[in-house]
Structures are given as C-alpha cells and as structure tokens.
Amino acid sequence: MRVATGRVGHAYLMEGRTGLLEAANAFAKALNCLNGGEVACDTCISCRVLDSGNHPDTFYVTATKTIAIGVEDVRHQVVAEMATRPFRYKYKVFIIDKAETMTPAAQNALLKTIEEPAPYGVFLLLTKELELMLETVLSRCVIIKVNENGQPGALQRETDEAHMALAQEVIENAHKLDILGALMLYKKFEPLKESKESAVALLDMLYERYGTLVRQTQAEYAFRATRAITQTKDLLSQNGNYQLAIEIMLLKIGAHIQ
C-alpha cells in the first residue's frame, strides 16, 4: 500500500493471531491523516479524533442480532454508508473485525460493494481464520499477514508495493505498446506464475484501477482492459496456461487482437 502517493487498494484482508484491530486502526489513521505521510502523524485533528473512537469516516462493522455478522448488518452498516461521500476526510474506512463470522450471505453482499466500490471506500477485513472466508471475497482482497506485534509483515508490504508498481506500469503503457512491447511486458508478470493468489490479487488491482478509468474517462482501452482482465481470471480459474492468458490480455488491451 502507498498511502502518501494515493496508491491505495479498496479491500485488504488482515490475517494474524493478535494485534489485528491495532494494525487496522493504524492503517485507517494513516489513510486520513492530514499530513499525508506513510505513517499517521498522531497529532492532526483526524488522528486525534480516531484515537478518541469518534472518527466520522471510520466505521466498525459489527453483528447486531447474533454473534455472526449478517446480511442486514452489511446492508445497513456498509452498503447504505457507501452511498454518501465522506463526511470530512478523504476515505470512508470500513473495519470488519472477526470477518470470518460473516454469514455467506453477508460476505456475498459485501462482495458486490468491493467489486464496484466508490473511489473513497476502503475495506479492512480482519480475521484469524482465513479458511472461513469465501474464495470470491479473498480473491478481491490484498492479503496482509500481521505479526505478533500487530505490524504488517515486511514481505507482504514489499509484495503489495510491487503489485502497485506493476499495475501502474500496465495502466500507463499497455494500450500504447506495439505487439512486441506487449509481449515483452509479460516478463514483469512472470514472477507471479507460481502463486495463483498473487496473480489474482494483481488482476483484481488492475480491474479496480481500469474500472475507475472507465467511470472517469470512458476510454475505449479501459473498457477493453476490464473485459480482458475478466476473461483472464476465468482462464486462470480453469487452470489455463498462465503465460498465454497474460499475453493475450496485454494484446487485447493494446487492441492487437479481439
């Protein structure tokens, strides 16, 4: 994640045994810190208000009727809130502690919002039991391993930053490359070949960024990209050839093939 440069994804799943809520609060604080650094300053009004537990643009999603977070909880506490812009700050941050307690219906309701989020929405899902989350939700999230001190693991941060950098390179260049350039760009994707989770996370990041471009600019190459990314994910989910799938995606973004 790159808070200072605005390179922030819309959905993160923080996994660990302890310190999850502390890590999520630190992340939420940094997102809306008025000093705009990678780490919250702890002194601006946004930081101080969050520490008080009364931040107007940070929401803690909880179960209201049972120990499980139900579909109505998601609809009322997330979907309805996402319909309006932040009260004062840059992001609306939704922190879902014990995300594994969400019912399947609740996870599916959340999925719809994660897939087409408002540009100001950021979701932090916290869990100790990753296996209880739906695969469709996991595939839309950047997964962050939190260590026993409540800090994101260095390896995950590096992976996330590498994904962000590659996503930015693709968005800036893929539609302008000739056929040879598009095929050469595949080399940047090659390190992800052995990790389906990482590959899907990057494709989701690309889909999200191109989706924003579609809404903002209506650019034809952005429409092509969203279609190509969806087709690529389908191919990979069916154990299709990774290199071929990525190369075809890049060629489609550049309009070299239909």
Protein backbone atom coordinates (compact mmCIF):
# COMPACT_ATOMS: atom_id res chain seq x y z
CA MET A 1 0.00 0.00 0.00
CA ARG A 2 1.21 3.53 -0.75
CA VAL A 3 -0.81 5.96 1.35
CA ALA A 4 1.27 9.05 0.62
CA THR A 5 1.05 8.64 -3.17
CA GLY A 6 -2.61 7.66 -3.18
CA ARG A 7 -1.87 4.12 -4.38
CA VAL A 8 -4.36 2.51 -2.05
CA GLY A 9 -6.42 -0.56 -2.84
CA HIS A 10 -10.07 -0.81 -1.91
CA ALA A 11 -10.03 -4.08 0.03
CA TYR A 12 -7.46 -5.56 2.40
CA LEU A 13 -7.74 -8.72 4.45
CA MET A 14 -5.51 -8.62 7.52
CA GLU A 15 -4.72 -12.07 8.92
CA GLY A 16 -2.99 -12.84 12.19
CA ARG A 17 -3.38 -14.18 15.71
CA THR A 18 -3.05 -10.92 17.64
CA GLY A 19 -2.91 -7.19 17.06
CA LEU A 20 -5.32 -7.08 14.11
CA LEU A 21 -7.51 -4.26 15.37
CA GLU A 22 -4.47 -2.20 16.35
CA ALA A 23 -2.98 -2.70 12.87
CA ALA A 24 -6.29 -1.78 11.21
CA ASN A 25 -6.64 1.37 13.31
CA ALA A 26 -3.10 2.40 12.40
CA PHE A 27 -3.85 1.88 8.71
CA ALA A 28 -7.16 3.77 8.94
CA LYS A 29 -5.43 6.60 10.77
CA ALA A 30 -2.72 6.87 8.09
CA LEU A 31 -5.32 6.90 5.29
CA ASN A 32 -7.00 10.05 6.59
CA CYS A 33 -4.03 11.70 8.29
CA LEU A 34 -3.96 15.34 7.21
CA ASN A 35 -0.16 15.32 6.99
CA GLY A 36 -0.29 12.75 4.19
CA GLY A 37 2.61 10.51 5.21
CA GLU A 38 3.02 6.74 5.04
CA VAL A 39 2.53 6.64 8.82
CA ALA A 40 -0.02 8.67 10.76
CA CYS A 41 1.32 11.79 12.48
CA ASP A 42 -0.84 11.20 15.61
CA THR A 43 -1.19 14.95 16.07
CA CYS A 44 -3.59 16.25 13.39
CA ILE A 45 -7.31 16.51 14.11
CA SER A 46 -8.13 13.38 12.09
CA CYS A 47 -5.61 11.26 14.02
CA ARG A 48 -6.76 12.60 17.37
CA VAL A 49 -10.43 12.06 16.58
CA LEU A 50 -9.77 8.47 15.51
CA ASP A 51 -7.91 7.83 18.75
CA SER A 52 -10.98 9.09 20.61
CA GLY A 53 -13.14 6.47 18.86
CA ASN A 54 -15.39 9.06 17.19
CA HIS A 55 -13.96 9.43 13.69
CA PRO A 56 -16.84 10.37 11.33
CA ASP A 57 -15.36 8.48 8.36
CA THR A 58 -14.18 5.29 10.09
CA PHE A 59 -16.82 2.61 10.62
CA TYR A 60 -16.62 -0.58 12.69
CA VAL A 61 -18.96 -3.18 11.25
CA THR A 62 -20.45 -5.41 13.96
CA ALA A 63 -23.10 -8.08 14.46
CA THR A 64 -26.34 -6.63 15.83
CA LYS A 65 -28.61 -9.63 16.37
CA THR A 66 -26.40 -12.70 16.74
CA ILE A 67 -22.70 -13.43 17.11
CA ALA A 68 -22.49 -13.64 13.31
CA ILE A 69 -22.37 -10.58 11.08
CA GLY A 70 -25.46 -10.97 8.91
CA VAL A 71 -26.53 -9.69 5.54
CA GLU A 72 -28.64 -6.92 7.09
CA ASP A 73 -25.63 -5.74 9.09
CA VAL A 74 -23.66 -5.38 5.86
CA ARG A 75 -26.52 -3.66 4.06
CA HIS A 76 -27.14 -1.13 6.85
CA GLN A 77 -23.58 -0.55 8.07
CA VAL A 78 -21.71 -0.76 4.76
CA VAL A 79 -23.86 -0.53 1.63
CA ALA A 80 -26.02 2.33 2.94
CA GLU A 81 -22.99 4.24 4.23
CA MET A 82 -21.14 3.86 0.94
CA ALA A 83 -23.95 5.70 -0.83
CA THR A 84 -22.75 9.04 0.56
CA ARG A 85 -19.36 10.71 0.32
CA PRO A 86 -17.05 11.01 3.34
CA PHE A 87 -18.25 13.46 5.97
CA ARG A 88 -14.96 15.34 6.16
CA TYR A 89 -11.91 13.31 5.19
CA LYS A 90 -10.57 11.58 2.06
CA TYR A 91 -11.66 7.98 2.71
CA LYS A 92 -14.52 6.15 4.29
CA VAL A 93 -12.83 3.23 6.04
CA PHE A 94 -14.85 0.14 7.00
CA ILE A 95 -13.18 -2.10 9.58
CA ILE A 96 -14.74 -5.55 9.89
CA ASP A 97 -13.30 -7.34 12.91
CA LYS A 98 -13.82 -11.11 13.10
CA ALA A 99 -14.68 -11.08 9.39
CA GLU A 100 -14.85 -14.87 9.43
CA THR A 101 -18.10 -14.59 11.42
CA MET A 102 -19.88 -13.07 8.42
CA THR A 103 -22.51 -15.41 7.06
CA PRO A 104 -22.12 -16.49 3.40
CA ALA A 105 -24.98 -14.13 2.51
CA ALA A 106 -23.23 -11.27 4.30
CA GLN A 107 -19.96 -12.00 2.50
CA ASN A 108 -21.75 -12.04 -0.84
CA ALA A 109 -23.45 -8.73 -0.05
CA LEU A 110 -20.07 -7.26 0.82
CA LEU A 111 -18.57 -8.72 -2.36
CA LYS A 112 -20.89 -6.67 -4.55
CA THR A 113 -19.66 -3.48 -2.89
CA ILE A 114 -16.00 -4.50 -3.05
CA GLU A 115 -16.29 -5.31 -6.76
CA GLU A 116 -17.64 -1.86 -7.63
CA PRO A 117 -16.55 0.40 -4.79
CA ALA A 118 -16.87 4.14 -4.58
CA PRO A 119 -13.41 5.73 -5.06
CA TYR A 120 -13.41 6.83 -1.42
CA GLY A 121 -14.22 3.41 0.07
CA VAL A 122 -11.57 1.24 1.78
CA PHE A 123 -12.36 -2.07 3.46
CA LEU A 124 -10.21 -3.68 6.15
CA LEU A 125 -11.32 -7.24 6.91
CA LEU A 126 -9.69 -8.75 9.99
CA THR A 127 -9.56 -12.50 10.59
CA LYS A 128 -7.75 -15.22 12.47
CA GLU A 129 -9.35 -17.92 10.31
CA LEU A 130 -8.72 -17.28 6.65
CA GLU A 131 -10.21 -20.61 5.62
CA LEU A 132 -13.69 -19.46 6.71
CA MET A 133 -13.75 -16.66 4.17
CA LEU A 134 -15.34 -17.22 0.76
CA GLU A 135 -12.82 -17.62 -2.04
CA THR A 136 -14.63 -14.97 -4.05
CA VAL A 137 -14.04 -12.45 -1.26
CA LEU A 138 -10.41 -13.48 -0.77
CA SER A 139 -9.73 -13.04 -4.48
CA ARG A 140 -10.83 -9.40 -4.28
CA CYS A 141 -8.61 -8.53 -1.31
CA VAL A 142 -4.94 -7.78 -0.85
CA ILE A 143 -3.96 -10.17 1.96
CA ILE A 144 -1.69 -8.77 4.67
CA LYS A 145 -0.10 -11.03 7.23
CA VAL A 146 0.06 -9.29 10.61
CA ASN A 147 2.77 -10.44 13.01
CA GLU A 148 2.52 -10.88 16.77
CA ASN A 149 3.40 -7.21 17.31
CA GLY A 150 0.44 -6.05 15.28
CA GLN A 151 2.61 -4.97 12.34
CA PRO A 152 2.16 -5.96 8.67
CA GLY A 153 4.86 -8.38 7.61
CA ALA A 154 7.68 -6.83 5.58
CA LEU A 155 7.37 -9.43 2.81
CA GLN A 156 3.68 -8.67 2.29
CA ARG A 157 4.36 -4.93 2.18
CA GLU A 158 7.02 -5.46 -0.45
CA THR A 159 4.68 -7.70 -2.47
CA ASP A 160 1.87 -5.17 -2.27
CA GLU A 161 4.14 -2.35 -3.38
CA ALA A 162 5.46 -4.44 -6.28
CA HIS A 163 1.88 -5.14 -7.39
CA MET A 164 1.04 -1.44 -7.22
CA ALA A 165 4.09 -0.53 -9.30
CA LEU A 166 3.34 -3.14 -11.98
CA ALA A 167 -0.34 -2.17 -12.10
CA GLN A 168 0.67 1.45 -12.66
CA GLU A 169 3.09 0.48 -15.44
CA VAL A 170 0.42 -1.57 -17.22
CA ILE A 171 -2.19 1.18 -16.98
CA GLU A 172 0.20 3.84 -18.25
CA ASN A 173 1.75 1.84 -21.09
CA ALA A 174 -0.09 -1.33 -22.16
CA HIS A 175 -2.56 0.37 -24.52
CA LYS A 176 0.28 2.25 -26.29
CA LEU A 177 2.65 -0.69 -26.87
CA ASP A 178 3.17 -2.47 -30.16
CA ILE A 179 2.84 -6.25 -30.30
CA LEU A 180 6.47 -6.88 -29.36
CA GLY A 181 6.27 -4.41 -26.48
CA ALA A 182 3.13 -6.07 -25.13
CA LEU A 183 4.77 -9.49 -25.25
CA MET A 184 7.87 -8.11 -23.52
CA LEU A 185 5.69 -6.67 -20.76
CA TYR A 186 4.69 -10.22 -19.88
CA LYS A 187 8.16 -10.66 -18.35
CA LYS A 188 7.05 -8.41 -15.48
CA PHE A 189 4.21 -10.85 -14.75
CA GLU A 190 6.41 -13.95 -14.85
CA PRO A 191 7.41 -13.90 -11.12
CA LEU A 192 3.73 -14.36 -10.19
CA LYS A 193 3.40 -17.52 -12.25
CA GLU A 194 3.86 -19.86 -9.27
CA SER A 195 1.41 -18.05 -6.99
CA LYS A 196 -2.19 -18.06 -8.12
CA GLU A 197 -3.15 -15.92 -5.12
CA SER A 198 -0.65 -13.21 -6.07
CA ALA A 199 -1.65 -13.32 -9.74
CA VAL A 200 -5.34 -12.94 -8.92
CA ALA A 201 -4.59 -10.12 -6.46
CA LEU A 202 -2.76 -8.22 -9.19
CA LEU A 203 -5.53 -8.81 -11.73
CA ASP A 204 -8.09 -7.56 -9.22
CA MET A 205 -5.98 -4.48 -8.63
CA LEU A 206 -5.80 -3.86 -12.38
CA TYR A 207 -9.56 -4.38 -12.78
CA GLU A 208 -10.23 -1.90 -10.00
CA ARG A 209 -7.92 0.74 -11.49
CA TYR A 210 -9.24 0.30 -15.03
CA GLY A 211 -12.80 0.37 -13.69
CA THR A 212 -12.07 3.77 -12.19
CA LEU A 213 -10.75 4.94 -15.56
CA VAL A 214 -13.93 3.72 -17.25
CA ARG A 215 -16.06 5.75 -14.85
CA GLN A 216 -13.85 8.83 -15.12
CA THR A 217 -12.87 8.92 -18.81
CA GLN A 218 -14.96 6.37 -20.74
CA ALA A 219 -11.71 5.49 -22.57
CA GLU A 220 -12.11 2.61 -25.01
CA TYR A 221 -8.85 0.96 -23.93
CA ALA A 222 -10.11 0.92 -20.33
CA PHE A 223 -13.29 -0.89 -21.44
CA ARG A 224 -11.12 -3.37 -23.37
CA ALA A 225 -8.94 -3.87 -20.32
CA THR A 226 -11.81 -4.69 -17.93
CA ARG A 227 -13.16 -7.26 -20.38
CA ALA A 228 -9.72 -8.76 -20.96
CA ILE A 229 -8.96 -8.99 -17.23
CA THR A 230 -12.25 -10.76 -16.53
CA GLN A 231 -11.54 -13.26 -19.32
CA THR A 232 -8.02 -13.82 -17.99
CA LYS A 233 -9.25 -14.56 -14.48
CA ASP A 234 -11.72 -17.05 -15.92
CA LEU A 235 -8.94 -18.77 -17.86
CA LEU A 236 -6.69 -18.99 -14.80
CA SER A 237 -9.54 -20.32 -12.64
CA GLN A 238 -9.84 -23.16 -15.19
CA ASN A 239 -6.09 -23.82 -14.92
CA GLY A 240 -5.40 -22.31 -18.31
CA ASN A 241 -1.84 -21.59 -19.48
CA TYR A 242 -0.61 -18.64 -17.42
CA GLN A 243 1.78 -17.12 -19.96
CA LEU A 244 -0.70 -17.40 -22.81
CA ALA A 245 -3.52 -15.92 -20.71
CA ILE A 246 -1.46 -12.88 -19.64
CA GLU A 247 -0.01 -12.27 -23.10
CA ILE A 248 -3.47 -12.40 -24.69
CA MET A 249 -4.75 -9.97 -22.04
CA LEU A 250 -1.99 -7.46 -22.80
CA LEU A 251 -2.54 -7.81 -26.56
CA LYS A 252 -6.27 -7.19 -26.09
CA ILE A 253 -5.63 -4.07 -24.03
CA GLY A 254 -3.47 -2.78 -26.87
CA ALA A 255 -6.18 -3.71 -29.42
CA HIS A 256 -3.80 -6.03 -31.26
CA ILE A 257 -6.32 -8.89 -31.11
CA GLN A 258 -10.05 -9.04 -30.49
